[in-house]
Amino acid sequence: MTHDTGFVEAGKGRGASRAAAILDATLQLLGEVGYDQLTIDAVAARARSSKTTIYRRWPDKSSLVCAALISASVRHPELPAGGTSLREDLLALTALFAKVASIEDPGAFASLLAAAQKDPAIANAVRATAVEPRRRDCRDVIQRAIGRGELRDPRLATALYEAAIGQMMVRFLLQSDGFDEARQIDFVDNTLMPMLKAHDKEAGPDADH
């Protein structure tokens, strides 16, 4: 994926503005028509640009979409520095997951998941922008809890990620009913906290070794 940083390399002034317009148009059209139906012609028309300008920086649709994903991801919020308890961190984490999910277009994301099965570059971009940052957030939450003596097993980060991302998939892709604060609190108190405590207890006293 050699062109996934095209949005950074656009330069300053008109070049940067033109590149930003192209990437924004790409994201808009992804939400409207999906990856398979997205065309460079449509992006050029939406961005009021030329195909030549687009192809000069991104040689194909895949590299353009990868650049658009990375451009969008840098605007995602970050996990707060840290709370005073596991529950507080889980509430912050869940709010972050929900915020990121609400920013992204569910239809676009679903089409990208399908495209990722066939295109390694898209798969890498999805992992880099949607998967790895959230996995890192989950590891941070678990490590903080271990540091406070609330948990012992660092492997709980995987269980936390899978539970949280699964909830987001259900709420935003399958049910499309959102994930408000009341639902976030319920998810933390009645799903995540009991799950993590139970798994940590099962892991035993040597879990951190």
Protein backbone atom coordinates (compact mmCIF):
# COMPACT_ATOMS: atom_id res chain seq x y z
CA MET A 1 0.00 0.00 0.00
CA THR A 2 2.44 2.56 -1.24
CA HIS A 3 0.02 5.43 -1.74
CA ASP A 4 -1.89 5.39 1.52
CA THR A 5 -0.23 8.59 2.73
CA GLY A 6 -1.18 10.64 -0.31
CA PHE A 7 -3.26 12.97 1.83
CA VAL A 8 -0.15 13.89 3.86
CA GLU A 9 2.03 14.37 0.81
CA ALA A 10 -0.40 16.74 -0.86
CA GLY A 11 1.59 19.77 0.18
CA LYS A 12 0.25 23.16 1.19
CA GLY A 13 -2.21 25.65 -0.19
CA ARG A 14 -4.35 24.73 -3.18
CA GLY A 15 -2.78 21.28 -3.51
CA ALA A 16 -3.70 20.34 0.04
CA SER A 17 -7.21 21.74 -0.34
CA ARG A 18 -7.72 19.84 -3.58
CA ALA A 19 -6.47 16.60 -2.03
CA ALA A 20 -8.72 17.08 1.01
CA ALA A 21 -11.73 17.66 -1.24
CA ILE A 22 -10.96 14.47 -3.17
CA LEU A 23 -10.60 12.39 -0.02
CA ASP A 24 -13.77 13.84 1.51
CA ALA A 25 -15.66 13.10 -1.71
CA THR A 26 -14.35 9.54 -1.61
CA LEU A 27 -15.65 9.05 1.92
CA GLN A 28 -19.03 10.57 1.07
CA LEU A 29 -19.47 8.30 -1.94
CA LEU A 30 -18.39 5.25 0.02
CA GLY A 31 -21.32 5.89 2.33
CA GLU A 32 -23.72 6.45 -0.54
CA VAL A 33 -22.83 3.67 -2.99
CA GLY A 34 -20.30 1.41 -1.25
CA TYR A 35 -16.85 0.35 -2.36
CA ASP A 36 -17.80 -1.80 -5.33
CA GLN A 37 -19.89 0.92 -6.98
CA LEU A 38 -17.45 3.72 -6.22
CA THR A 39 -15.79 5.13 -9.35
CA ILE A 40 -13.01 7.63 -9.95
CA ASP A 41 -15.36 9.48 -12.32
CA ALA A 42 -17.86 9.99 -9.50
CA VAL A 43 -15.16 11.12 -7.07
CA ALA A 44 -13.81 13.62 -9.60
CA ALA A 45 -17.29 15.01 -10.21
CA ARG A 46 -18.11 15.28 -6.49
CA ALA A 47 -14.75 16.93 -5.70
CA ARG A 48 -14.92 19.20 -8.76
CA SER A 49 -11.57 17.84 -9.79
CA SER A 50 -10.20 15.97 -12.79
CA LYS A 51 -9.41 12.29 -13.09
CA THR A 52 -5.90 13.26 -14.13
CA THR A 53 -5.38 15.06 -10.81
CA ILE A 54 -6.61 12.03 -8.90
CA TYR A 55 -4.58 9.49 -10.85
CA ARG A 56 -1.46 11.62 -10.50
CA ARG A 57 -1.53 11.00 -6.75
CA TRP A 58 -3.47 7.73 -6.42
CA PRO A 59 -3.05 5.23 -9.27
CA ASP A 60 -6.23 3.27 -8.58
CA LYS A 61 -9.43 3.16 -6.53
CA SER A 62 -7.89 0.98 -3.84
CA SER A 63 -5.06 3.40 -3.07
CA LEU A 64 -7.47 6.35 -3.10
CA VAL A 65 -9.79 4.67 -0.61
CA CYS A 66 -6.86 3.69 1.62
CA ALA A 67 -5.73 7.32 1.70
CA ALA A 68 -9.26 8.46 2.50
CA LEU A 69 -9.51 6.01 5.41
CA ILE A 70 -6.24 7.20 6.91
CA SER A 71 -7.23 10.84 6.40
CA ALA A 72 -10.48 10.22 8.28
CA SER A 73 -8.83 8.24 11.07
CA VAL A 74 -6.57 11.09 12.16
CA ARG A 75 -9.73 12.99 13.14
CA HIS A 76 -10.92 10.24 15.48
CA PRO A 77 -10.99 11.07 19.21
CA GLU A 78 -8.45 9.47 21.53
CA LEU A 79 -8.86 7.56 24.77
CA PRO A 80 -8.55 9.89 27.80
CA ALA A 81 -5.31 9.67 29.76
CA GLY A 82 -6.76 7.49 32.49
CA GLY A 83 -9.38 7.28 35.19
CA THR A 84 -9.17 6.22 38.80
CA SER A 85 -10.82 2.82 38.37
CA LEU A 86 -11.46 0.07 35.85
CA ARG A 87 -15.12 1.06 35.61
CA GLU A 88 -14.24 4.67 34.87
CA ASP A 89 -11.83 3.61 32.14
CA LEU A 90 -14.37 1.19 30.67
CA LEU A 91 -16.97 3.94 30.50
CA ALA A 92 -14.47 6.18 28.71
CA LEU A 93 -13.51 3.34 26.37
CA THR A 94 -17.12 2.50 25.54
CA ALA A 95 -17.90 6.17 24.90
CA LEU A 96 -14.88 6.34 22.58
CA PHE A 97 -15.95 3.24 20.64
CA ALA A 98 -19.45 4.69 20.27
CA LYS A 99 -18.14 8.09 19.18
CA VAL A 100 -15.90 6.60 16.51
CA ALA A 101 -18.71 4.34 15.29
CA SER A 102 -21.10 7.29 15.08
CA ILE A 103 -18.61 9.25 12.98
CA GLU A 104 -18.24 6.49 10.41
CA ASP A 105 -20.96 5.66 7.90
CA PRO A 106 -22.24 2.14 8.66
CA GLY A 107 -22.88 1.37 5.00
CA ALA A 108 -19.41 2.46 4.00
CA PHE A 109 -17.81 0.39 6.73
CA ALA A 110 -19.82 -2.69 5.79
CA SER A 111 -18.77 -2.37 2.16
CA LEU A 112 -15.13 -1.96 3.19
CA LEU A 113 -15.27 -5.13 5.28
CA ALA A 114 -16.48 -6.98 2.18
CA ALA A 115 -13.80 -5.37 0.00
CA ALA A 116 -11.12 -6.26 2.55
CA GLN A 117 -11.78 -9.94 1.90
CA LYS A 118 -10.56 -9.48 -1.69
CA ASP A 119 -8.11 -6.58 -1.52
CA PRO A 120 -5.09 -6.84 0.82
CA ALA A 121 -4.49 -3.09 0.66
CA ILE A 122 -8.01 -2.35 1.88
CA ALA A 123 -7.65 -5.02 4.56
CA ASN A 124 -4.42 -3.40 5.78
CA ALA A 125 -6.03 0.04 5.82
CA VAL A 126 -9.04 -1.21 7.79
CA ARG A 127 -6.74 -2.88 10.31
CA ALA A 128 -4.56 0.22 10.63
CA THR A 129 -7.42 2.68 11.03
CA ALA A 130 -10.27 0.75 12.66
CA VAL A 131 -8.84 -2.32 14.36
CA GLU A 132 -5.38 -1.62 15.76
CA PRO A 133 -6.16 1.75 17.40
CA ARG A 134 -9.08 0.20 19.28
CA ARG A 135 -7.03 -2.87 20.23
CA ARG A 136 -4.40 -0.53 21.62
CA ASP A 137 -7.04 1.32 23.63
CA CYS A 138 -8.23 -1.97 25.13
CA ARG A 139 -4.67 -2.96 26.04
CA ASP A 140 -4.19 0.42 27.72
CA VAL A 141 -7.34 0.00 29.81
CA ILE A 142 -6.33 -3.48 30.96
CA GLN A 143 -2.75 -2.42 31.72
CA ARG A 144 -4.01 0.49 33.81
CA ALA A 145 -6.26 -1.88 35.76
CA ILE A 146 -3.33 -4.25 36.31
CA GLY A 147 -1.24 -1.34 37.53
CA ARG A 148 -3.95 -0.44 40.06
CA GLY A 149 -4.24 -4.06 41.20
CA GLU A 150 -7.80 -4.47 39.90
CA LEU A 151 -6.91 -7.15 37.33
CA ARG A 152 -3.98 -9.51 36.78
CA ASP A 153 -4.29 -11.01 33.30
CA PRO A 154 -3.07 -8.88 30.33
CA ARG A 155 -4.77 -11.34 27.95
CA LEU A 156 -8.08 -9.81 28.99
CA ALA A 157 -7.39 -7.06 26.45
CA THR A 158 -8.42 -9.45 23.67
CA ALA A 159 -11.68 -10.38 25.38
CA LEU A 160 -12.41 -6.71 26.03
CA TYR A 161 -11.80 -5.74 22.41
CA GLU A 162 -13.94 -8.55 21.04
CA ALA A 163 -16.83 -7.75 23.38
CA ALA A 164 -16.69 -4.02 22.69
CA ILE A 165 -16.31 -4.26 18.92
CA GLY A 166 -19.04 -6.88 18.80
CA GLN A 167 -21.42 -4.55 20.61
CA MET A 168 -20.60 -1.74 18.17
CA MET A 169 -21.25 -4.03 15.19
CA VAL A 170 -24.65 -4.99 16.56
CA ARG A 171 -25.68 -1.47 17.50
CA PHE A 172 -24.44 0.40 14.44
CA LEU A 173 -24.42 -2.16 11.60
CA LEU A 174 -27.20 -4.61 12.41
CA GLN A 175 -29.71 -2.68 14.52
CA SER A 176 -28.80 0.91 13.62
CA ASP A 177 -30.20 2.10 16.94
CA GLY A 178 -27.12 3.83 18.29
CA PHE A 179 -25.48 3.50 21.67
CA ASP A 180 -26.42 6.30 24.05
CA GLU A 181 -24.96 6.94 27.49
CA ALA A 182 -27.55 4.82 29.31
CA ARG A 183 -26.77 1.84 27.10
CA GLN A 184 -23.06 2.40 27.55
CA ILE A 185 -23.40 2.34 31.34
CA ASP A 186 -25.55 -0.80 31.18
CA PHE A 187 -22.99 -2.49 28.91
CA VAL A 188 -20.12 -1.65 31.25
CA ASP A 189 -21.90 -2.60 34.48
CA ASN A 190 -23.74 -5.71 33.32
CA THR A 191 -21.44 -7.11 30.63
CA LEU A 192 -17.86 -5.84 30.66
CA MET A 193 -17.20 -5.59 34.40
CA PRO A 194 -18.64 -9.05 35.24
CA MET A 195 -16.92 -10.62 32.22
CA LEU A 196 -13.48 -9.21 33.04
CA LYS A 197 -13.71 -10.04 36.73
CA ALA A 198 -14.86 -13.60 36.01
CA HIS A 199 -12.16 -14.25 33.40
CA ASP A 200 -9.50 -12.74 35.64
CA LYS A 201 -10.57 -14.98 38.52
CA GLU A 202 -10.45 -18.05 36.26
CA ALA A 203 -6.94 -17.14 35.11
CA GLY A 204 -5.60 -17.62 38.63
CA PRO A 205 -2.77 -15.93 40.52
CA ASP A 206 -0.16 -16.68 37.85
CA ALA A 207 -2.01 -14.91 35.03
CA ASP A 208 0.55 -12.14 34.78
CA HIS A 209 3.42 -14.50 34.16
